[in-house]
Amino acid sequence: MKYVAAYLLATLGGKASPSSADVTAILKAAGADVDADRLGSLLKSLEGKSLEEVLEAGRKKIGAMAPAGGAAPAAAAAGGGGGGAAPAAAAAEEPEEEGDDDMGFSLFD
């Protein structure tokens, strides 16, 4: 991820197609180690592509993904889970969190 982040920073800095030296300079400035093979692999995969088309391809892939885990609990809470209102009532009765009373002061007062 650090290589991608440095590449994006270089493009934000005005480089249409950042070089290995550009990305390395950003990573070194951040105090990160640079693996030349990984950086070379990233630059090779982005060669000849504009940043806009790479980002758009990523958006399409994310949009095609199925929801992961959030839809089933929401359907069950809405009554579609077959359990009626009992599971929703049980979820609503969560134990109260302990406050900051034992600290002797409030962070927000």
PDB file of N, CA and C in Angstrom:
ATOM      1  N   MET A   1       0.809  -1.197   0.000  1.00  0.00           N
ATOM      2  CA  MET A   1       0.000   0.000   0.000  1.00  0.00           C
ATOM      3  C   MET A   1       0.853   1.262   0.000  1.00  0.00           C
ATOM      4  N   LYS A   2       2.014   1.197   0.660  1.00  0.00           N
ATOM      5  CA  LYS A   2       2.822   2.407   0.731  1.00  0.00           C
ATOM      6  C   LYS A   2       3.314   2.820  -0.656  1.00  0.00           C
ATOM      7  N   TYR A   3       3.526   1.852  -1.531  1.00  0.00           N
ATOM      8  CA  TYR A   3       3.967   2.172  -2.887  1.00  0.00           C
ATOM      9  C   TYR A   3       2.851   2.848  -3.674  1.00  0.00           C
ATOM     10  N   VAL A   4       1.642   2.352  -3.497  1.00  0.00           N
ATOM     11  CA  VAL A   4       0.486   2.951  -4.169  1.00  0.00           C
ATOM     12  C   VAL A   4       0.250   4.356  -3.637  1.00  0.00           C
ATOM     13  N   ALA A   5       0.341   4.516  -2.308  1.00  0.00           N
ATOM     14  CA  ALA A   5       0.142   5.832  -1.709  1.00  0.00           C
ATOM     15  C   ALA A   5       1.186   6.833  -2.206  1.00  0.00           C
ATOM     16  N   ALA A   6       2.432   6.405  -2.274  1.00  0.00           N
ATOM     17  CA  ALA A   6       3.495   7.292  -2.759  1.00  0.00           C
ATOM     18  C   ALA A   6       3.279   7.624  -4.230  1.00  0.00           C
ATOM     19  N   TYR A   7       2.819   6.646  -5.018  1.00  0.00           N
ATOM     20  CA  TYR A   7       2.527   6.890  -6.438  1.00  0.00           C
ATOM     21  C   TYR A   7       1.410   7.930  -6.570  1.00  0.00           C
ATOM     22  N   LEU A   8       0.361   7.782  -5.763  1.00  0.00           N
ATOM     23  CA  LEU A   8      -0.744   8.746  -5.802  1.00  0.00           C
ATOM     24  C   LEU A   8      -0.292  10.134  -5.362  1.00  0.00           C
ATOM     25  N   LEU A   9       0.564  10.196  -4.363  1.00  0.00           N
ATOM     26  CA  LEU A   9       1.089  11.496  -3.938  1.00  0.00           C
ATOM     27  C   LEU A   9       1.897  12.153  -5.050  1.00  0.00           C
ATOM     28  N   ALA A  10       2.663  11.363  -5.763  1.00  0.00           N
ATOM     29  CA  ALA A  10       3.444  11.909  -6.871  1.00  0.00           C
ATOM     30  C   ALA A  10       2.524  12.443  -7.971  1.00  0.00           C
ATOM     31  N   THR A  11       1.421  11.737  -8.234  1.00  0.00           N
ATOM     32  CA  THR A  11       0.489  12.229  -9.258  1.00  0.00           C
ATOM     33  C   THR A  11      -0.211  13.493  -8.787  1.00  0.00           C
ATOM     34  N   LEU A  12      -0.519  13.559  -7.506  1.00  0.00           N
ATOM     35  CA  LEU A  12      -1.121  14.785  -6.971  1.00  0.00           C
ATOM     36  C   LEU A  12      -0.137  15.954  -7.043  1.00  0.00           C
ATOM     37  N   GLY A  13       1.143  15.632  -6.991  1.00  0.00           N
ATOM     38  CA  GLY A  13       2.183  16.651  -7.082  1.00  0.00           C
ATOM     39  C   GLY A  13       2.442  17.122  -8.507  1.00  0.00           C
ATOM     40  N   GLY A  14       1.744  16.550  -9.486  1.00  0.00           N
ATOM     41  CA  GLY A  14       1.864  17.025 -10.850  1.00  0.00           C
ATOM     42  C   GLY A  14       2.533  16.070 -11.818  1.00  0.00           C
ATOM     43  N   LYS A  15       2.977  14.927 -11.362  1.00  0.00           N
ATOM     44  CA  LYS A  15       3.612  13.950 -12.255  1.00  0.00           C
ATOM     45  C   LYS A  15       2.516  13.087 -12.884  1.00  0.00           C
ATOM     46  N   ALA A  16       2.359  13.130 -14.187  1.00  0.00           N
ATOM     47  CA  ALA A  16       1.334  12.328 -14.862  1.00  0.00           C
ATOM     48  C   ALA A  16       1.664  10.847 -14.788  1.00  0.00           C
ATOM     49  N   SER A  17       2.941  10.526 -14.881  1.00  0.00           N
ATOM     50  CA  SER A  17       3.397   9.142 -14.813  1.00  0.00           C
ATOM     51  C   SER A  17       4.667   9.108 -13.967  1.00  0.00           C
ATOM     52  N   PRO A  18       4.513   9.007 -12.644  1.00  0.00           N
ATOM     53  CA  PRO A  18       5.677   9.063 -11.760  1.00  0.00           C
ATOM     54  C   PRO A  18       6.695   7.949 -12.046  1.00  0.00           C
ATOM     55  N   SER A  19       7.950   8.312 -11.932  1.00  0.00           N
ATOM     56  CA  SER A  19       9.029   7.345 -12.148  1.00  0.00           C
ATOM     57  C   SER A  19       9.378   6.661 -10.835  1.00  0.00           C
ATOM     58  N   SER A  20      10.238   5.684 -10.934  1.00  0.00           N
ATOM     59  CA  SER A  20      10.716   4.981  -9.751  1.00  0.00           C
ATOM     60  C   SER A  20      11.412   5.950  -8.796  1.00  0.00           C
ATOM     61  N   ALA A  21      12.171   6.877  -9.359  1.00  0.00           N
ATOM     62  CA  ALA A  21      12.876   7.862  -8.539  1.00  0.00           C
ATOM     63  C   ALA A  21      11.901   8.776  -7.796  1.00  0.00           C
ATOM     64  N   ASP A  22      10.798   9.142  -8.462  1.00  0.00           N
ATOM     65  CA  ASP A  22       9.790   9.999  -7.823  1.00  0.00           C
ATOM     66  C   ASP A  22       9.179   9.306  -6.611  1.00  0.00           C
ATOM     67  N   VAL A  23       8.760   8.057  -6.819  1.00  0.00           N
ATOM     68  CA  VAL A  23       8.117   7.299  -5.745  1.00  0.00           C
ATOM     69  C   VAL A  23       9.122   7.005  -4.634  1.00  0.00           C
ATOM     70  N   THR A  24      10.347   6.657  -4.993  1.00  0.00           N
ATOM     71  CA  THR A  24      11.381   6.374  -4.006  1.00  0.00           C
ATOM     72  C   THR A  24      11.665   7.609  -3.154  1.00  0.00           C
ATOM     73  N   ALA A  25      11.716   8.770  -3.770  1.00  0.00           N
ATOM     74  CA  ALA A  25      11.977  10.005  -3.025  1.00  0.00           C
ATOM     75  C   ALA A  25      10.883  10.259  -1.992  1.00  0.00           C
ATOM     76  N   ILE A  26       9.638  10.012  -2.354  1.00  0.00           N
ATOM     77  CA  ILE A  26       8.529  10.217  -1.418  1.00  0.00           C
ATOM     78  C   ILE A  26       8.629   9.224  -0.265  1.00  0.00           C
ATOM     79  N   LEU A  27       8.897   7.961  -0.585  1.00  0.00           N
ATOM     80  CA  LEU A  27       9.003   6.946   0.459  1.00  0.00           C
ATOM     81  C   LEU A  27      10.174   7.222   1.399  1.00  0.00           C
ATOM     82  N   LYS A  28      11.309   7.631   0.837  1.00  0.00           N
ATOM     83  CA  LYS A  28      12.487   7.942   1.664  1.00  0.00           C
ATOM     84  C   LYS A  28      12.209   9.141   2.567  1.00  0.00           C
ATOM     85  N   ALA A  29      11.475  10.133   2.037  1.00  0.00           N
ATOM     86  CA  ALA A  29      11.129  11.310   2.836  1.00  0.00           C
ATOM     87  C   ALA A  29      10.237  10.937   4.014  1.00  0.00           C
ATOM     88  N   ALA A  30       9.455   9.875   3.845  1.00  0.00           N
ATOM     89  CA  ALA A  30       8.575   9.408   4.920  1.00  0.00           C
ATOM     90  C   ALA A  30       9.288   8.440   5.855  1.00  0.00           C
ATOM     91  N   GLY A  31      10.541   8.118   5.547  1.00  0.00           N
ATOM     92  CA  GLY A  31      11.309   7.211   6.387  1.00  0.00           C
ATOM     93  C   GLY A  31      11.005   5.742   6.136  1.00  0.00           C
ATOM     94  N   ALA A  32      10.406   5.428   4.986  1.00  0.00           N
ATOM     95  CA  ALA A  32      10.047   4.038   4.668  1.00  0.00           C
ATOM     96  C   ALA A  32      11.156   3.366   3.876  1.00  0.00           C
ATOM     97  N   ASP A  33      11.268   2.075   4.068  1.00  0.00           N
ATOM     98  CA  ASP A  33      12.197   1.279   3.264  1.00  0.00           C
ATOM     99  C   ASP A  33      11.579   1.052   1.895  1.00  0.00           C
ATOM    100  N   VAL A  34      12.423   0.932   0.881  1.00  0.00           N
ATOM    101  CA  VAL A  34      11.941   0.741  -0.487  1.00  0.00           C
ATOM    102  C   VAL A  34      12.444  -0.595  -1.016  1.00  0.00           C
ATOM    103  N   ASP A  35      11.510  -1.427  -1.435  1.00  0.00           N
ATOM    104  CA  ASP A  35      11.828  -2.688  -2.097  1.00  0.00           C
ATOM    105  C   ASP A  35      11.730  -2.419  -3.597  1.00  0.00           C
ATOM    106  N   ALA A  36      12.864  -2.381  -4.263  1.00  0.00           N
ATOM    107  CA  ALA A  36      12.912  -2.017  -5.682  1.00  0.00           C
ATOM    108  C   ALA A  36      12.101  -2.971  -6.548  1.00  0.00           C
ATOM    109  N   ASP A  37      12.065  -4.253  -6.175  1.00  0.00           N
ATOM    110  CA  ASP A  37      11.301  -5.224  -6.962  1.00  0.00           C
ATOM    111  C   ASP A  37       9.798  -4.956  -6.875  1.00  0.00           C
ATOM    112  N   ARG A  38       9.313  -4.684  -5.673  1.00  0.00           N
ATOM    113  CA  ARG A  38       7.882  -4.397  -5.507  1.00  0.00           C
ATOM    114  C   ARG A  38       7.502  -3.101  -6.214  1.00  0.00           C
ATOM    115  N   LEU A  39       8.346  -2.099  -6.077  1.00  0.00           N
ATOM    116  CA  LEU A  39       8.079  -0.830  -6.735  1.00  0.00           C
ATOM    117  C   LEU A  39       8.091  -1.007  -8.244  1.00  0.00           C
ATOM    118  N   GLY A  40       9.058  -1.752  -8.755  1.00  0.00           N
ATOM    119  CA  GLY A  40       9.132  -2.013 -10.185  1.00  0.00           C
ATOM    120  C   GLY A  40       7.913  -2.748 -10.695  1.00  0.00           C
ATOM    121  N   SER A  41       7.406  -3.698  -9.906  1.00  0.00           N
ATOM    122  CA  SER A  41       6.211  -4.450 -10.274  1.00  0.00           C
ATOM    123  C   SER A  41       4.992  -3.527 -10.356  1.00  0.00           C
ATOM    124  N   LEU A  42       4.868  -2.633  -9.389  1.00  0.00           N
ATOM    125  CA  LEU A  42       3.755  -1.683  -9.410  1.00  0.00           C
ATOM    126  C   LEU A  42       3.838  -0.780 -10.627  1.00  0.00           C
ATOM    127  N   LEU A  43       5.010  -0.206 -10.871  1.00  0.00           N
ATOM    128  CA  LEU A  43       5.173   0.706 -11.998  1.00  0.00           C
ATOM    129  C   LEU A  43       4.932  -0.006 -13.329  1.00  0.00           C
ATOM    130  N   LYS A  44       5.347  -1.257 -13.418  1.00  0.00           N
ATOM    131  CA  LYS A  44       5.125  -2.023 -14.648  1.00  0.00           C
ATOM    132  C   LYS A  44       3.633  -2.264 -14.871  1.00  0.00           C
ATOM    133  N   SER A  45       2.887  -2.548 -13.785  1.00  0.00           N
ATOM    134  CA  SER A  45       1.449  -2.792 -13.924  1.00  0.00           C
ATOM    135  C   SER A  45       0.684  -1.515 -14.277  1.00  0.00           C
ATOM    136  N   LEU A  46       1.236  -0.356 -13.937  1.00  0.00           N
ATOM    137  CA  LEU A  46       0.570   0.916 -14.237  1.00  0.00           C
ATOM    138  C   LEU A  46       1.075   1.555 -15.530  1.00  0.00           C
ATOM    139  N   GLU A  47       2.072   0.954 -16.145  1.00  0.00           N
ATOM    140  CA  GLU A  47       2.679   1.503 -17.352  1.00  0.00           C
ATOM    141  C   GLU A  47       1.653   1.641 -18.480  1.00  0.00           C
ATOM    142  N   GLY A  48       1.600   2.822 -19.077  1.00  0.00           N
ATOM    143  CA  GLY A  48       0.718   3.071 -20.210  1.00  0.00           C
ATOM    144  C   GLY A  48      -0.731   3.323 -19.834  1.00  0.00           C
ATOM    145  N   LYS A  49      -1.025   3.411 -18.525  1.00  0.00           N
ATOM    146  CA  LYS A  49      -2.398   3.639 -18.069  1.00  0.00           C
ATOM    147  C   LYS A  49      -2.475   4.989 -17.378  1.00  0.00           C
ATOM    148  N   SER A  50      -3.604   5.642 -17.547  1.00  0.00           N
ATOM    149  CA  SER A  50      -3.801   6.889 -16.812  1.00  0.00           C
ATOM    150  C   SER A  50      -4.366   6.559 -15.434  1.00  0.00           C
ATOM    151  N   LEU A  51      -4.112   7.413 -14.487  1.00  0.00           N
ATOM    152  CA  LEU A  51      -4.601   7.201 -13.132  1.00  0.00           C
ATOM    153  C   LEU A  51      -6.123   7.143 -13.111  1.00  0.00           C
ATOM    154  N   GLU A  52      -6.766   7.956 -13.926  1.00  0.00           N
ATOM    155  CA  GLU A  52      -8.223   7.988 -13.962  1.00  0.00           C
ATOM    156  C   GLU A  52      -8.805   6.640 -14.388  1.00  0.00           C
ATOM    157  N   GLU A  53      -8.218   6.017 -15.409  1.00  0.00           N
ATOM    158  CA  GLU A  53      -8.759   4.724 -15.857  1.00  0.00           C
ATOM    159  C   GLU A  53      -8.482   3.622 -14.845  1.00  0.00           C
ATOM    160  N   VAL A  54      -7.371   3.692 -14.132  1.00  0.00           N
ATOM    161  CA  VAL A  54      -7.072   2.701 -13.098  1.00  0.00           C
ATOM    162  C   VAL A  54      -8.075   2.836 -11.949  1.00  0.00           C
ATOM    163  N   LEU A  55      -8.331   4.067 -11.532  1.00  0.00           N
ATOM    164  CA  LEU A  55      -9.292   4.292 -10.454  1.00  0.00           C
ATOM    165  C   LEU A  55     -10.701   3.881 -10.870  1.00  0.00           C
ATOM    166  N   GLU A  56     -11.089   4.176 -12.094  1.00  0.00           N
ATOM    167  CA  GLU A  56     -12.411   3.796 -12.582  1.00  0.00           C
ATOM    168  C   GLU A  56     -12.562   2.278 -12.626  1.00  0.00           C
ATOM    169  N   ALA A  57     -11.545   1.571 -13.055  1.00  0.00           N
ATOM    170  CA  ALA A  57     -11.585   0.104 -13.073  1.00  0.00           C
ATOM    171  C   ALA A  57     -11.742  -0.434 -11.650  1.00  0.00           C
ATOM    172  N   GLY A  58     -11.086   0.181 -10.694  1.00  0.00           N
ATOM    173  CA  GLY A  58     -11.219  -0.221  -9.294  1.00  0.00           C
ATOM    174  C   GLY A  58     -12.618   0.028  -8.760  1.00  0.00           C
ATOM    175  N   ARG A  59     -13.206   1.164  -9.132  1.00  0.00           N
ATOM    176  CA  ARG A  59     -14.584   1.468  -8.711  1.00  0.00           C
ATOM    177  C   ARG A  59     -15.559   0.438  -9.254  1.00  0.00           C
ATOM    178  N   LYS A  60     -15.360   0.024 -10.499  1.00  0.00           N
ATOM    179  CA  LYS A  60     -16.240  -0.976 -11.093  1.00  0.00           C
ATOM    180  C   LYS A  60     -16.118  -2.308 -10.373  1.00  0.00           C
ATOM    181  N   LYS A  61     -14.897  -2.691 -10.003  1.00  0.00           N
ATOM    182  CA  LYS A  61     -14.699  -3.949  -9.293  1.00  0.00           C
ATOM    183  C   LYS A  61     -15.358  -3.908  -7.918  1.00  0.00           C
ATOM    184  N   ILE A  62     -15.218  -2.789  -7.222  1.00  0.00           N
ATOM    185  CA  ILE A  62     -15.829  -2.659  -5.907  1.00  0.00           C
ATOM    186  C   ILE A  62     -17.346  -2.666  -6.032  1.00  0.00           C
ATOM    187  N   GLY A  63     -17.877  -1.991  -7.050  1.00  0.00           N
ATOM    188  CA  GLY A  63     -19.326  -1.949  -7.251  1.00  0.00           C
ATOM    189  C   GLY A  63     -19.912  -3.303  -7.590  1.00  0.00           C
ATOM    190  N   ALA A  64     -19.115  -4.196  -8.170  1.00  0.00           N
ATOM    191  CA  ALA A  64     -19.605  -5.520  -8.554  1.00  0.00           C
ATOM    192  C   ALA A  64     -19.564  -6.509  -7.393  1.00  0.00           C
ATOM    193  N   MET A  65     -18.917  -6.130  -6.305  1.00  0.00           N
ATOM    194  CA  MET A  65     -18.808  -7.040  -5.168  1.00  0.00           C
ATOM    195  C   MET A  65     -20.146  -7.153  -4.454  1.00  0.00           C
ATOM    196  N   ALA A  66     -20.444  -8.354  -3.954  1.00  0.00           N
ATOM    197  CA  ALA A  66     -21.660  -8.581  -3.176  1.00  0.00           C
ATOM    198  C   ALA A  66     -21.466  -8.006  -1.783  1.00  0.00           C
ATOM    199  N   PRO A  67     -22.549  -7.560  -1.160  1.00  0.00           N
ATOM    200  CA  PRO A  67     -22.426  -7.066   0.210  1.00  0.00           C
ATOM    201  C   PRO A  67     -21.878  -8.161   1.123  1.00  0.00           C
ATOM    202  N   ALA A  68     -21.023  -7.793   2.023  1.00  0.00           N
ATOM    203  CA  ALA A  68     -20.368  -8.783   2.874  1.00  0.00           C
ATOM    204  C   ALA A  68     -20.789  -8.621   4.328  1.00  0.00           C
ATOM    205  N   GLY A  69     -21.863  -9.254   4.722  1.00  0.00           N
ATOM    206  CA  GLY A  69     -22.232  -9.333   6.130  1.00  0.00           C
ATOM    207  C   GLY A  69     -23.203  -8.304   6.653  1.00  0.00           C
ATOM    208  N   GLY A  70     -23.356  -7.181   6.037  1.00  0.00           N
ATOM    209  CA  GLY A  70     -24.232  -6.153   6.584  1.00  0.00           C
ATOM    210  C   GLY A  70     -25.693  -6.363   6.271  1.00  0.00           C
ATOM    211  N   ALA A  71     -26.024  -7.056   5.200  1.00  0.00           N
ATOM    212  CA  ALA A  71     -27.414  -7.172   4.782  1.00  0.00           C
ATOM    213  C   ALA A  71     -28.189  -8.190   5.604  1.00  0.00           C
ATOM    214  N   ALA A  72     -27.609  -9.300   5.966  1.00  0.00           N
ATOM    215  CA  ALA A  72     -28.339 -10.342   6.693  1.00  0.00           C
ATOM    216  C   ALA A  72     -28.797  -9.874   8.070  1.00  0.00           C
ATOM    217  N   PRO A  73     -27.946  -9.252   8.889  1.00  0.00           N
ATOM    218  CA  PRO A  73     -28.437  -8.775  10.181  1.00  0.00           C
ATOM    219  C   PRO A  73     -29.503  -7.695  10.039  1.00  0.00           C
ATOM    220  N   ALA A  74     -29.386  -6.846   9.021  1.00  0.00           N
ATOM    221  CA  ALA A  74     -30.391  -5.805   8.828  1.00  0.00           C
ATOM    222  C   ALA A  74     -31.726  -6.425   8.456  1.00  0.00           C
ATOM    223  N   ALA A  75     -31.728  -7.465   7.624  1.00  0.00           N
ATOM    224  CA  ALA A  75     -32.968  -8.136   7.242  1.00  0.00           C
ATOM    225  C   ALA A  75     -33.582  -8.841   8.434  1.00  0.00           C
ATOM    226  N   ALA A  76     -32.779  -9.435   9.287  1.00  0.00           N
ATOM    227  CA  ALA A  76     -33.294 -10.124  10.468  1.00  0.00           C
ATOM    228  C   ALA A  76     -33.919  -9.128  11.436  1.00  0.00           C
ATOM    229  N   ALA A  77     -33.299  -7.979  11.596  1.00  0.00           N
ATOM    230  CA  ALA A  77     -33.830  -6.968  12.498  1.00  0.00           C
ATOM    231  C   ALA A  77     -35.128  -6.375  11.975  1.00  0.00           C
ATOM    232  N   ALA A  78     -35.300  -6.389  10.657  1.00  0.00           N
ATOM    233  CA  ALA A  78     -36.512  -5.849  10.066  1.00  0.00           C
ATOM    234  C   ALA A  78     -37.655  -6.853  10.104  1.00  0.00           C
ATOM    235  N   GLY A  79     -37.424  -8.033  10.627  1.00  0.00           N
ATOM    236  CA  GLY A  79     -38.481  -9.017  10.714  1.00  0.00           C
ATOM    237  C   GLY A  79     -38.402 -10.054   9.619  1.00  0.00           C
ATOM    238  N   GLY A  80     -37.443  -9.963   8.737  1.00  0.00           N
ATOM    239  CA  GLY A  80     -37.330 -10.916   7.645  1.00  0.00           C
ATOM    240  C   GLY A  80     -36.523 -12.137   8.006  1.00  0.00           C
ATOM    241  N   GLY A  81     -36.026 -12.206   9.231  1.00  0.00           N
ATOM    242  CA  GLY A  81     -35.192 -13.325   9.630  1.00  0.00           C
ATOM    243  C   GLY A  81     -35.967 -14.497  10.170  1.00  0.00           C
ATOM    244  N   GLY A  82     -37.294 -14.410  10.245  1.00  0.00           N
ATOM    245  CA  GLY A  82     -38.105 -15.510  10.706  1.00  0.00           C
ATOM    246  C   GLY A  82     -38.235 -15.563  12.215  1.00  0.00           C
ATOM    247  N   GLY A  83     -37.505 -14.788  12.955  1.00  0.00           N
ATOM    248  CA  GLY A  83     -37.552 -14.827  14.406  1.00  0.00           C
ATOM    249  C   GLY A  83     -38.497 -13.807  14.980  1.00  0.00           C
ATOM    250  N   GLY A  84     -39.108 -12.997  14.193  1.00  0.00           N
ATOM    251  CA  GLY A  84     -40.038 -11.990  14.688  1.00  0.00           C
ATOM    252  C   GLY A  84     -39.322 -10.885  15.419  1.00  0.00           C
ATOM    253  N   ALA A  85     -39.988 -10.346  16.442  1.00  0.00           N
ATOM    254  CA  ALA A  85     -39.447  -9.206  17.165  1.00  0.00           C
ATOM    255  C   ALA A  85     -38.505  -9.616  18.286  1.00  0.00           C
ATOM    256  N   ALA A  86     -38.481 -10.886  18.649  1.00  0.00           N
ATOM    257  CA  ALA A  86     -37.640 -11.319  19.766  1.00  0.00           C
ATOM    258  C   ALA A  86     -36.156 -11.028  19.540  1.00  0.00           C
ATOM    259  N   PRO A  87     -35.576 -11.344  18.377  1.00  0.00           N
ATOM    260  CA  PRO A  87     -34.160 -11.018  18.197  1.00  0.00           C
ATOM    261  C   PRO A  87     -33.902  -9.522  18.217  1.00  0.00           C
ATOM    262  N   ALA A  88     -34.822  -8.749  17.672  1.00  0.00           N
ATOM    263  CA  ALA A  88     -34.639  -7.296  17.671  1.00  0.00           C
ATOM    264  C   ALA A  88     -34.709  -6.754  19.085  1.00  0.00           C
ATOM    265  N   ALA A  89     -35.617  -7.297  19.908  1.00  0.00           N
ATOM    266  CA  ALA A  89     -35.738  -6.846  21.287  1.00  0.00           C
ATOM    267  C   ALA A  89     -34.491  -7.221  22.076  1.00  0.00           C
ATOM    268  N   ALA A  90     -33.946  -8.401  21.821  1.00  0.00           N
ATOM    269  CA  ALA A  90     -32.740  -8.826  22.523  1.00  0.00           C
ATOM    270  C   ALA A  90     -31.561  -7.939  22.156  1.00  0.00           C
ATOM    271  N   ALA A  91     -31.506  -7.532  20.901  1.00  0.00           N
ATOM    272  CA  ALA A  91     -30.413  -6.666  20.474  1.00  0.00           C
ATOM    273  C   ALA A  91     -30.545  -5.275  21.075  1.00  0.00           C
ATOM    274  N   ALA A  92     -31.789  -4.837  21.308  1.00  0.00           N
ATOM    275  CA  ALA A  92     -32.010  -3.504  21.861  1.00  0.00           C
ATOM    276  C   ALA A  92     -31.649  -3.443  23.335  1.00  0.00           C
ATOM    277  N   GLU A  93     -31.630  -4.571  24.043  1.00  0.00           N
ATOM    278  CA  GLU A  93     -31.343  -4.601  25.468  1.00  0.00           C
ATOM    279  C   GLU A  93     -29.870  -4.856  25.727  1.00  0.00           C
ATOM    280  N   GLU A  94     -29.029  -4.054  25.138  1.00  0.00           N
ATOM    281  CA  GLU A  94     -27.600  -4.197  25.367  1.00  0.00           C
ATOM    282  C   GLU A  94     -27.267  -3.654  26.743  1.00  0.00           C
ATOM    283  N   PRO A  95     -26.294  -4.246  27.404  1.00  0.00           N
ATOM    284  CA  PRO A  95     -25.922  -3.742  28.731  1.00  0.00           C
ATOM    285  C   PRO A  95     -25.328  -2.345  28.616  1.00  0.00           C
ATOM    286  N   GLU A  96     -25.590  -1.568  29.654  1.00  0.00           N
ATOM    287  CA  GLU A  96     -25.053  -0.210  29.650  1.00  0.00           C
ATOM    288  C   GLU A  96     -23.545  -0.259  29.839  1.00  0.00           C
ATOM    289  N   GLU A  97     -22.866   0.633  29.150  1.00  0.00           N
ATOM    290  CA  GLU A  97     -21.418   0.712  29.310  1.00  0.00           C
ATOM    291  C   GLU A  97     -21.100   1.426  30.610  1.00  0.00           C
ATOM    292  N   GLU A  98     -20.017   0.991  31.216  1.00  0.00           N
ATOM    293  CA  GLU A  98     -19.588   1.682  32.422  1.00  0.00           C
ATOM    294  C   GLU A  98     -19.081   3.059  32.046  1.00  0.00           C
ATOM    295  N   GLY A  99     -19.462   4.038  32.793  1.00  0.00           N
ATOM    296  CA  GLY A  99     -19.054   5.400  32.516  1.00  0.00           C
ATOM    297  C   GLY A  99     -17.676   5.698  33.062  1.00  0.00           C
ATOM    298  N   ASP A 100     -17.306   6.937  32.997  1.00  0.00           N
ATOM    299  CA  ASP A 100     -16.016   7.380  33.505  1.00  0.00           C
ATOM    300  C   ASP A 100     -16.130   7.840  34.956  1.00  0.00           C
ATOM    301  N   ASP A 101     -17.217   7.414  35.634  1.00  0.00           N
ATOM    302  CA  ASP A 101     -17.439   7.865  37.000  1.00  0.00           C
ATOM    303  C   ASP A 101     -16.306   7.455  37.934  1.00  0.00           C
ATOM    304  N   ASP A 102     -15.697   6.320  37.693  1.00  0.00           N
ATOM    305  CA  ASP A 102     -14.649   5.849  38.583  1.00  0.00           C
ATOM    306  C   ASP A 102     -13.356   6.652  38.449  1.00  0.00           C
ATOM    307  N   MET A 103     -13.276   7.496  37.441  1.00  0.00           N
ATOM    308  CA  MET A 103     -12.074   8.289  37.254  1.00  0.00           C
ATOM    309  C   MET A 103     -12.089   9.571  38.081  1.00  0.00           C
ATOM    310  N   GLY A 104     -13.253   9.979  38.527  1.00  0.00           N
ATOM    311  CA  GLY A 104     -13.342  11.164  39.372  1.00  0.00           C
ATOM    312  C   GLY A 104     -13.465  12.463  38.596  1.00  0.00           C
ATOM    313  N   PHE A 105     -13.503  12.408  37.267  1.00  0.00           N
ATOM    314  CA  PHE A 105     -13.687  13.603  36.464  1.00  0.00           C
ATOM    315  C   PHE A 105     -14.302  13.220  35.126  1.00  0.00           C
ATOM    316  N   SER A 106     -14.811  14.221  34.437  1.00  0.00           N
ATOM    317  CA  SER A 106     -15.422  13.997  33.135  1.00  0.00           C
ATOM    318  C   SER A 106     -14.552  14.680  32.084  1.00  0.00           C
ATOM    319  N   LEU A 107     -14.337  14.005  30.982  1.00  0.00           N
ATOM    320  CA  LEU A 107     -13.529  14.581  29.914  1.00  0.00           C
ATOM    321  C   LEU A 107     -14.259  15.654  29.137  1.00  0.00           C
ATOM    322  N   PHE A 108     -15.585  15.704  29.285  1.00  0.00           N
ATOM    323  CA  PHE A 108     -16.371  16.610  28.452  1.00  0.00           C
ATOM    324  C   PHE A 108     -17.037  17.726  29.235  1.00  0.00           C
ATOM    325  N   ASP A 109     -16.748  17.887  30.471  1.00  0.00           N
ATOM    326  CA  ASP A 109     -17.329  18.977  31.263  1.00  0.00           C
ATOM    327  C   ASP A 109     -16.374  20.111  31.423  1.00  0.00           C
TER     328      ASP A 109
END
